[in-house]
Amino acid sequence: MSETKIRITQVKSGNGQKPGQQATLIGLGLNKIGKSREAVATPEVRGMVNKVAHLLKVEELA
């Protein structure tokens, strides 16, 4: 069974956000605008992405 991957790109700053949202960005491996990371789309990662969706751009990878 193949794993679905997503590319997560930070498009807005975490400055001024709640501390939990800033920690979530760090947990996703993002700390600067324009930085991208590929991750396996597990329920845990999806939940983190949903928490800070207003700061990210998410793309599904084939």
Protein backbone atom coordinates (compact mmCIF):
# COMPACT_ATOMS: atom_id res chain seq x y z
CA MET A 1 0.00 0.00 0.00
CA SER A 2 1.51 3.31 -1.04
CA GLU A 3 1.60 6.23 1.34
CA THR A 4 0.07 9.54 0.31
CA LYS A 5 2.50 12.43 0.56
CA ILE A 6 1.78 16.13 0.82
CA ARG A 7 3.98 19.17 0.28
CA ILE A 8 3.47 21.81 2.96
CA THR A 9 4.66 25.38 2.24
CA GLN A 10 4.54 28.21 4.76
CA VAL A 11 3.03 31.32 3.13
CA LYS A 12 2.42 33.54 6.18
CA SER A 13 4.43 34.32 9.29
CA GLY A 14 3.84 32.63 12.61
CA ASN A 15 4.67 35.86 14.44
CA GLY A 16 1.70 37.20 16.35
CA GLN A 17 -0.06 33.82 16.32
CA LYS A 18 -0.96 31.89 19.44
CA PRO A 19 1.95 29.96 21.00
CA GLY A 20 0.31 26.63 20.13
CA GLN A 21 0.19 27.59 16.47
CA GLN A 22 3.83 28.68 16.49
CA ALA A 23 4.78 25.35 18.08
CA THR A 24 2.77 23.49 15.45
CA LEU A 25 4.73 25.21 12.66
CA ILE A 26 7.98 24.17 14.32
CA GLY A 27 6.64 20.64 14.72
CA LEU A 28 5.94 20.53 10.99
CA GLY A 29 9.52 21.63 10.31
CA LEU A 30 8.60 25.11 9.11
CA ASN A 31 10.04 28.35 10.46
CA LYS A 32 10.33 30.77 7.55
CA ILE A 33 8.00 32.02 4.85
CA GLY A 34 8.54 30.08 1.63
CA LYS A 35 10.02 27.02 3.31
CA SER A 36 8.55 23.70 2.13
CA ARG A 37 8.53 20.20 3.50
CA GLU A 38 7.19 16.90 2.25
CA ALA A 39 5.40 14.68 4.75
CA VAL A 40 3.37 11.49 4.78
CA ALA A 41 -0.31 12.38 5.12
CA THR A 42 -1.01 10.62 8.42
CA PRO A 43 -3.96 11.68 10.60
CA GLU A 44 -1.49 13.32 13.00
CA VAL A 45 0.10 15.46 10.29
CA ARG A 46 -3.30 16.31 8.78
CA GLY A 47 -4.46 17.54 12.21
CA MET A 48 -1.39 19.75 12.57
CA VAL A 49 -1.93 21.15 9.07
CA ASN A 50 -5.59 21.88 9.84
CA LYS A 51 -4.60 23.78 12.98
CA VAL A 52 -2.45 26.27 11.01
CA ALA A 53 -4.12 25.98 7.59
CA HIS A 54 -4.42 29.78 7.32
CA LEU A 55 -0.59 30.00 7.30
CA LEU A 56 0.09 27.19 4.82
CA LYS A 57 -0.34 26.02 1.25
CA VAL A 58 -0.82 22.26 0.91
CA GLU A 59 -0.34 20.19 -2.26
CA GLU A 60 -1.04 16.50 -2.76
CA LEU A 61 1.84 14.59 -4.36
CA ALA A 62 1.34 11.60 -6.63
